[in-house]
Amino acid sequence: MTHFTIMAERDGDWWSLQAKELPGAISQVRRIEDAVVIKEALAFLTGEPEESITVSVEILESGLIDNAS
C-alpha cells in the first residue's frame, strides 16, 4: 500500500485537490467527501492499482496550494 496526503482547498463551489507527494496528481470535487476520486490520478501516474493507494486529506486555508506545480 502507498499512502498520499491530499491537500484540499476551497475554490468557489469546488474543492481543488493536489497530492503533496506527487504534485502532478490533481483533481476537483464538489464535495470534500468525494476527495478519494484523486486515487484514479494517483494510480495513473504511479502505475499502481487504485486499490493499493490510500489517502488522507488536509484542508488548507485559501491560497496555500501552489497551482504552478
C-alpha atoms as a PDB file:
ATOM      1  CA  MET A   1       0.000   0.000   0.000  1.00  0.00           C
ATOM      2  CA  THR A   2       1.133   3.502  -0.827  1.00  0.00           C
ATOM      3  CA  HIS A   3      -0.178   6.457   1.149  1.00  0.00           C
ATOM      4  CA  PHE A   4      -0.559  10.016  -0.145  1.00  0.00           C
ATOM      5  CA  THR A   5      -1.502  13.219   1.641  1.00  0.00           C
ATOM      6  CA  ILE A   6      -4.041  15.231  -0.321  1.00  0.00           C
ATOM      7  CA  MET A   7      -4.153  18.992   0.106  1.00  0.00           C
ATOM      8  CA  ALA A   8      -7.674  20.351  -0.384  1.00  0.00           C
ATOM      9  CA  GLU A   9      -8.521  23.994  -0.932  1.00  0.00           C
ATOM     10  CA  ARG A  10     -11.964  25.520  -1.413  1.00  0.00           C
ATOM     11  CA  ASP A  11     -12.323  27.298  -4.759  1.00  0.00           C
ATOM     12  CA  GLY A  12     -15.843  28.679  -5.106  1.00  0.00           C
ATOM     13  CA  ASP A  13     -18.262  25.743  -5.344  1.00  0.00           C
ATOM     14  CA  TRP A  14     -15.406  23.287  -5.866  1.00  0.00           C
ATOM     15  CA  TRP A  15     -12.551  21.757  -3.878  1.00  0.00           C
ATOM     16  CA  SER A  16      -9.160  21.712  -5.606  1.00  0.00           C
ATOM     17  CA  LEU A  17      -7.119  18.633  -4.693  1.00  0.00           C
ATOM     18  CA  GLN A  18      -3.386  18.059  -5.058  1.00  0.00           C
ATOM     19  CA  ALA A  19      -1.191  15.239  -3.773  1.00  0.00           C
ATOM     20  CA  LYS A  20       1.580  16.548  -1.538  1.00  0.00           C
ATOM     21  CA  GLU A  21       3.999  13.797  -2.554  1.00  0.00           C
ATOM     22  CA  LEU A  22       3.094  13.893  -6.251  1.00  0.00           C
ATOM     23  CA  PRO A  23       2.151  17.468  -7.286  1.00  0.00           C
ATOM     24  CA  GLY A  24       1.126  16.356 -10.788  1.00  0.00           C
ATOM     25  CA  ALA A  25      -1.808  14.454  -9.297  1.00  0.00           C
ATOM     26  CA  ILE A  26      -4.648  16.960  -9.200  1.00  0.00           C
ATOM     27  CA  SER A  27      -8.423  16.800  -9.232  1.00  0.00           C
ATOM     28  CA  GLN A  28     -11.543  18.759  -8.333  1.00  0.00           C
ATOM     29  CA  VAL A  29     -14.666  17.717  -6.463  1.00  0.00           C
ATOM     30  CA  ARG A  30     -17.822  19.496  -5.382  1.00  0.00           C
ATOM     31  CA  ARG A  31     -17.978  17.689  -2.021  1.00  0.00           C
ATOM     32  CA  ILE A  32     -14.897  17.092   0.105  1.00  0.00           C
ATOM     33  CA  GLU A  33     -16.288  13.646   0.931  1.00  0.00           C
ATOM     34  CA  ASP A  34     -15.561  12.728  -2.705  1.00  0.00           C
ATOM     35  CA  ALA A  35     -11.836  13.547  -2.457  1.00  0.00           C
ATOM     36  CA  VAL A  36     -10.910   9.870  -2.863  1.00  0.00           C
ATOM     37  CA  VAL A  37     -11.505  10.244  -6.614  1.00  0.00           C
ATOM     38  CA  ILE A  38      -7.920  11.549  -6.801  1.00  0.00           C
ATOM     39  CA  LYS A  39      -6.841   7.933  -6.366  1.00  0.00           C
ATOM     40  CA  GLU A  40      -7.559   7.452 -10.074  1.00  0.00           C
ATOM     41  CA  ALA A  41      -4.979  10.137 -10.988  1.00  0.00           C
ATOM     42  CA  LEU A  42      -2.501   8.730  -8.468  1.00  0.00           C
ATOM     43  CA  ALA A  43      -2.898   5.227  -9.910  1.00  0.00           C
ATOM     44  CA  PHE A  44      -2.383   6.519 -13.452  1.00  0.00           C
ATOM     45  CA  LEU A  45       0.762   8.480 -12.532  1.00  0.00           C
ATOM     46  CA  THR A  46       2.346   5.788 -10.352  1.00  0.00           C
ATOM     47  CA  GLY A  47       1.262   2.688 -12.262  1.00  0.00           C
ATOM     48  CA  GLU A  48      -0.055   1.176  -9.027  1.00  0.00           C
ATOM     49  CA  PRO A  49      -3.511  -0.361  -8.717  1.00  0.00           C
ATOM     50  CA  GLU A  50      -6.054   2.108  -7.357  1.00  0.00           C
ATOM     51  CA  GLU A  51      -6.949  -0.410  -4.638  1.00  0.00           C
ATOM     52  CA  SER A  52      -3.398  -0.259  -3.222  1.00  0.00           C
ATOM     53  CA  ILE A  53      -3.467   3.527  -2.728  1.00  0.00           C
ATOM     54  CA  THR A  54      -4.655   5.191   0.466  1.00  0.00           C
ATOM     55  CA  VAL A  55      -5.145   8.908   1.018  1.00  0.00           C
ATOM     56  CA  SER A  56      -5.636  11.335   3.862  1.00  0.00           C
ATOM     57  CA  VAL A  57      -6.990  14.829   3.269  1.00  0.00           C
ATOM     58  CA  GLU A  58      -5.600  18.066   4.700  1.00  0.00           C
ATOM     59  CA  ILE A  59      -7.965  21.015   4.334  1.00  0.00           C
ATOM     60  CA  LEU A  60      -5.941  24.158   3.672  1.00  0.00           C
ATOM     61  CA  GLU A  61      -6.695  27.825   4.034  1.00  0.00           C
ATOM     62  CA  SER A  62      -7.347  29.587   0.741  1.00  0.00           C
ATOM     63  CA  GLY A  63      -4.306  30.337  -1.411  1.00  0.00           C
ATOM     64  CA  LEU A  64      -1.897  27.743   0.009  1.00  0.00           C
ATOM     65  CA  ILE A  65      -1.833  25.285  -2.896  1.00  0.00           C
ATOM     66  CA  ASP A  66       0.905  26.124  -5.377  1.00  0.00           C
ATOM     67  CA  ASN A  67      -1.028  25.956  -8.646  1.00  0.00           C
ATOM     68  CA  ALA A  68       2.185  26.383 -10.652  1.00  0.00           C
ATOM     69  CA  SER A  69       3.374  22.864  -9.766  1.00  0.00           C
END
